[in-house]
Amino acid sequence: QVQLVESGGGLVQAGGSLRLSCAASGRTFNYYAMGWFRQAPGEEHKFVAGITWKGGNQYYTDSVKGRFTISRDNAKNTVYLQMNSLKPEDTAVYYCAVRINEIESIYLANYYAWDYWGKGTLVTVSS
């Protein structure tokens, strides 16, 4: 079992920045990837970014490329999401997720490809 706890959400003005963190505990070895999804009110979970645990390969949805950066600290079993130039449309609950087994990167955007989830942290961007 893997437990994930997100932190770092909050209220920020458009153009501002936030850094989300996700700390993993329990089974803390041999992850294939960690990632971030978000869910806005009335919408489904949408992929934001992912990173492979060993190689550090990064993947982003188009709407956040150039603004968000995902990174990880293997020693701390923690993944981060640095969010810059935030827009009101980035407002959502952000969820951290873990994928245990290797998968083709194209499938990382699929909600059902991920094995464990955190409870989420709310990000609100005001205009």
Foldseek 3Di string as FASTA:
>chain_A
DKAKDKDWADEEAQQAKIKMKIFIDDPQDQFQKKAKWWDDPPGDTWGAKMAGDPPRDIDGDPVQPPFWDWDDDSVRRMIMIIGGRDDQVVWTWMKMFTARDDDPPVCPRPPVRTDDIYPTDTHGYHD
